[in-house]
Amino acid sequence: MTATSIDVTHRPGLAYQQAFDWLAVCLHAADGMVAYGAAAPWQWLELAHRLPHTATLSRAPAAREALAALGLAEAAPASGLLAAVGLVEPAEVGPALFDRLSADGRLHVVTGGRLARFLAERRGSAAASPMSARELAASARTAGFHVVERLGIHPPAAVWQHYAGEAVLALGRRDWRDRRHCAMRRDFVVGGPAASWSALVCLTLERDR
């Protein structure tokens, strides 16, 4: 039997899966009109699957292809103020987007942390370099927004547990590997300052009061 490799752009790793779930929950919880956008076609597909009847911020080919792949019609572009916007790895976030958010509106963003270069989905990607969490926070401050929640997905502790598990598996101890991988999932999400050292960072921003 020949092992086949997994195409990570069609089956994202655990870090991206968790980030997409977080983003979808945030948008589902918003009270009012919401919209989303993403950088890559496979990210559009993941969001369209989780948010099938939600407006998109762009009529880019990637958005149309993702919706068509699921047999969905493209949602009408959002007009007026939005209660929440979700973005995945934006190359830039300009003032126009912040202006679309209502007084209580929130911006939810998934972007790369300091360990992002180790993500399989980032290797060989031709997409424009996404904004870092620090750049995004700075842009938000200029627009009168600030970060109210910061979560890190796949921090150093989880990375260590993963490789420790693979090391003990090489010694034939599958039981030890299972314990290490269980610990990896336990340590998979962190908050506060440690979030920036993770592979992915999930930010929630709201308008200054």
Protein backbone atom coordinates (compact mmCIF):
# COMPACT_ATOMS: atom_id res chain seq x y z
CA MET A 1 0.00 0.00 0.00
CA THR A 2 1.41 3.37 -1.03
CA ALA A 3 1.00 6.30 1.32
CA THR A 4 -0.44 9.44 -0.27
CA SER A 5 0.41 12.97 0.79
CA ILE A 6 -2.26 15.34 2.01
CA ASP A 7 -2.80 18.53 0.05
CA VAL A 8 -2.87 21.02 2.92
CA THR A 9 -4.65 23.65 0.81
CA HIS A 10 -7.66 21.32 0.59
CA ARG A 11 -7.34 19.86 4.06
CA PRO A 12 -5.87 22.54 6.34
CA GLY A 13 -3.87 21.61 9.40
CA LEU A 14 -5.23 21.74 12.93
CA ALA A 15 -4.10 25.34 13.51
CA TYR A 16 -6.06 26.73 10.57
CA GLN A 17 -9.07 24.53 11.29
CA GLN A 18 -9.26 25.91 14.81
CA ALA A 19 -8.79 29.49 13.57
CA PHE A 20 -11.60 29.12 10.99
CA ASP A 21 -13.90 27.66 13.65
CA TRP A 22 -13.12 30.59 15.96
CA LEU A 23 -13.86 33.10 13.20
CA ALA A 24 -17.13 31.43 12.25
CA VAL A 25 -18.31 31.38 15.88
CA CYS A 26 -17.51 35.09 16.24
CA LEU A 27 -19.53 36.00 13.16
CA HIS A 28 -22.45 33.72 14.07
CA ALA A 29 -22.62 35.41 17.49
CA ALA A 30 -22.80 38.96 16.07
CA ASP A 31 -26.14 40.76 16.30
CA GLY A 32 -26.58 42.25 12.85
CA MET A 33 -25.16 42.07 9.35
CA VAL A 34 -21.73 40.46 9.00
CA ALA A 35 -19.26 39.84 6.17
CA TYR A 36 -15.96 38.06 5.64
CA GLY A 37 -12.91 38.01 3.41
CA ALA A 38 -9.75 35.95 2.95
CA ALA A 39 -6.43 36.00 1.15
CA ALA A 40 -6.30 32.61 -0.62
CA PRO A 41 -8.85 30.50 -2.55
CA TRP A 42 -8.63 27.59 -0.09
CA GLN A 43 -9.37 29.99 2.77
CA TRP A 44 -12.45 31.28 0.94
CA LEU A 45 -13.61 27.69 0.57
CA GLU A 46 -13.20 27.00 4.29
CA LEU A 47 -15.14 30.13 5.26
CA ALA A 48 -17.86 29.55 2.66
CA HIS A 49 -18.36 26.07 4.10
CA ARG A 50 -18.79 27.47 7.62
CA LEU A 51 -20.69 30.65 6.63
CA PRO A 52 -22.73 29.57 3.58
CA HIS A 53 -25.15 32.50 3.42
CA THR A 54 -22.92 35.30 4.68
CA ALA A 55 -21.94 38.28 2.56
CA THR A 56 -18.41 38.48 1.21
CA LEU A 57 -16.30 41.61 1.13
CA SER A 58 -15.05 41.00 -2.38
CA ARG A 59 -16.24 39.65 -5.72
CA ALA A 60 -12.77 38.30 -6.38
CA PRO A 61 -12.54 35.07 -8.42
CA ALA A 62 -11.41 33.22 -5.31
CA ALA A 63 -14.69 34.05 -3.59
CA ARG A 64 -16.84 33.04 -6.56
CA GLU A 65 -14.93 29.76 -7.03
CA ALA A 66 -15.27 28.85 -3.36
CA LEU A 67 -19.02 29.43 -3.31
CA ALA A 68 -19.54 27.63 -6.62
CA ALA A 69 -17.57 24.63 -5.30
CA LEU A 70 -20.19 24.28 -2.56
CA GLY A 71 -23.12 24.83 -4.93
CA LEU A 72 -23.95 28.19 -3.37
CA ALA A 73 -24.92 31.45 -5.01
CA GLU A 74 -22.74 34.42 -4.21
CA ALA A 75 -24.15 36.44 -1.35
CA ALA A 76 -25.11 40.00 -2.14
CA PRO A 77 -22.31 42.40 -1.22
CA ALA A 78 -22.92 43.93 2.17
CA SER A 79 -24.16 47.52 2.18
CA GLY A 80 -24.44 49.83 5.12
CA LEU A 81 -22.86 49.34 8.51
CA LEU A 82 -21.71 45.92 9.65
CA ALA A 83 -21.95 44.37 13.11
CA ALA A 84 -18.85 42.25 12.52
CA VAL A 85 -16.26 41.50 9.86
CA GLY A 86 -14.01 38.45 9.71
CA LEU A 87 -10.72 38.41 7.81
CA VAL A 88 -8.10 35.71 7.22
CA GLU A 89 -4.52 36.85 6.65
CA PRO A 90 -5.25 40.22 4.99
CA ALA A 91 -2.40 41.92 3.14
CA GLU A 92 -3.76 45.27 4.35
CA VAL A 93 -6.71 46.68 6.25
CA GLY A 94 -7.54 50.24 5.24
CA PRO A 95 -9.70 52.96 6.83
CA ALA A 96 -12.63 52.15 4.52
CA LEU A 97 -13.16 48.81 6.21
CA PHE A 98 -13.11 50.29 9.71
CA ASP A 99 -15.65 52.88 8.53
CA ARG A 100 -18.04 50.06 7.57
CA LEU A 101 -18.26 48.85 11.18
CA SER A 102 -21.08 50.12 13.37
CA ALA A 103 -20.42 51.87 16.68
CA ASP A 104 -20.45 48.49 18.45
CA GLY A 105 -19.04 46.59 15.47
CA ARG A 106 -16.10 44.24 15.82
CA LEU A 107 -13.32 43.17 13.50
CA HIS A 108 -12.09 39.58 13.87
CA VAL A 109 -8.80 38.74 12.17
CA VAL A 110 -6.73 35.59 11.77
CA THR A 111 -3.11 36.38 10.96
CA GLY A 112 0.33 34.89 11.38
CA GLY A 113 2.35 34.88 14.58
CA ARG A 114 6.09 34.45 15.05
CA LEU A 115 5.91 30.73 14.28
CA ALA A 116 3.86 31.18 11.10
CA ARG A 117 6.78 30.22 8.86
CA PHE A 118 6.52 26.64 10.16
CA LEU A 119 2.95 26.22 8.90
CA ALA A 120 2.75 23.83 5.95
CA GLU A 121 0.14 26.08 4.31
CA ARG A 122 2.62 28.97 4.20
CA ARG A 123 5.37 27.07 2.38
CA GLY A 124 5.63 27.92 -1.29
CA SER A 125 2.64 30.27 -1.12
CA ALA A 126 2.58 32.93 -3.84
CA ALA A 127 0.14 35.10 -1.91
CA ALA A 128 1.12 38.55 -0.75
CA SER A 129 2.69 38.65 2.69
CA PRO A 130 -0.14 39.12 5.22
CA MET A 131 -0.09 41.80 7.88
CA SER A 132 1.41 40.76 11.18
CA ALA A 133 -0.59 41.10 14.39
CA ARG A 134 1.56 44.08 15.35
CA GLU A 135 0.97 45.83 12.00
CA LEU A 136 -2.73 45.19 12.25
CA ALA A 137 -2.95 46.61 15.77
CA ALA A 138 -1.05 49.72 14.64
CA SER A 139 -3.39 50.23 11.68
CA ALA A 140 -6.37 49.80 13.98
CA ARG A 141 -5.10 52.42 16.42
CA THR A 142 -4.87 54.92 13.58
CA ALA A 143 -8.53 54.23 12.76
CA GLY A 144 -9.62 54.56 16.41
CA PHE A 145 -9.83 50.83 17.19
CA HIS A 146 -8.05 48.71 19.77
CA VAL A 147 -7.51 45.01 20.47
CA VAL A 148 -9.90 43.54 23.05
CA GLU A 149 -8.96 39.87 22.65
CA ARG A 150 -5.78 38.17 21.47
CA LEU A 151 -5.51 34.39 21.17
CA GLY A 152 -2.56 32.36 19.93
CA ILE A 153 -3.03 29.03 18.16
CA HIS A 154 -0.22 26.45 18.17
CA PRO A 155 2.22 28.18 20.56
CA PRO A 156 5.75 26.93 21.37
CA ALA A 157 4.50 24.63 24.14
CA ALA A 158 2.25 22.80 21.68
CA VAL A 159 5.03 22.61 19.09
CA TRP A 160 7.36 21.07 21.69
CA GLN A 161 4.75 18.50 22.70
CA HIS A 162 4.27 17.51 19.06
CA TYR A 163 7.96 16.94 18.34
CA ALA A 164 8.47 15.22 21.69
CA GLY A 165 5.69 12.83 20.71
CA GLU A 166 7.32 12.10 17.34
CA ALA A 167 10.65 11.48 19.08
CA VAL A 168 9.29 8.90 21.50
CA LEU A 169 7.37 7.24 18.67
CA ALA A 170 10.73 6.67 16.95
CA LEU A 171 11.69 4.71 20.07
CA GLY A 172 8.65 2.52 19.62
CA ARG A 173 6.61 4.08 22.43
CA ARG A 174 3.29 4.86 20.81
CA ASP A 175 1.66 5.18 24.23
CA TRP A 176 4.07 8.00 25.17
CA ARG A 177 3.46 9.66 21.79
CA ASP A 178 -0.30 9.62 22.43
CA ARG A 179 0.23 11.35 25.78
CA ARG A 180 2.39 14.03 24.20
CA HIS A 181 -0.14 14.68 21.43
CA CYS A 182 -2.93 14.86 24.01
CA ALA A 183 -0.84 17.46 25.87
CA MET A 184 -0.31 19.31 22.57
CA ARG A 185 -4.06 19.77 22.17
CA ARG A 186 -4.32 20.84 25.81
CA ASP A 187 -1.73 23.59 25.17
CA PHE A 188 -2.95 24.47 21.67
CA VAL A 189 -4.53 27.86 22.50
CA VAL A 190 -3.02 30.60 24.67
CA GLY A 191 -4.03 34.14 25.52
CA GLY A 192 -2.26 37.35 26.47
CA PRO A 193 1.29 38.35 25.47
CA ALA A 194 2.29 34.74 24.70
CA ALA A 195 -0.17 34.73 21.78
CA SER A 196 2.26 36.59 19.48
CA TRP A 197 4.71 33.66 19.68
CA SER A 198 2.16 31.26 18.19
CA ALA A 199 1.78 30.08 14.60
CA LEU A 200 -1.54 31.92 14.19
CA VAL A 201 -2.93 34.87 16.10
CA CYS A 202 -6.66 35.60 16.39
CA LEU A 203 -7.47 39.23 17.14
CA THR A 204 -10.75 40.91 18.05
CA LEU A 205 -10.83 44.68 17.70
CA GLU A 206 -13.48 47.24 18.57
CA ARG A 207 -13.89 51.00 18.38
CA ASP A 208 -12.44 53.20 21.11
CA ARG A 209 -15.09 54.50 23.48
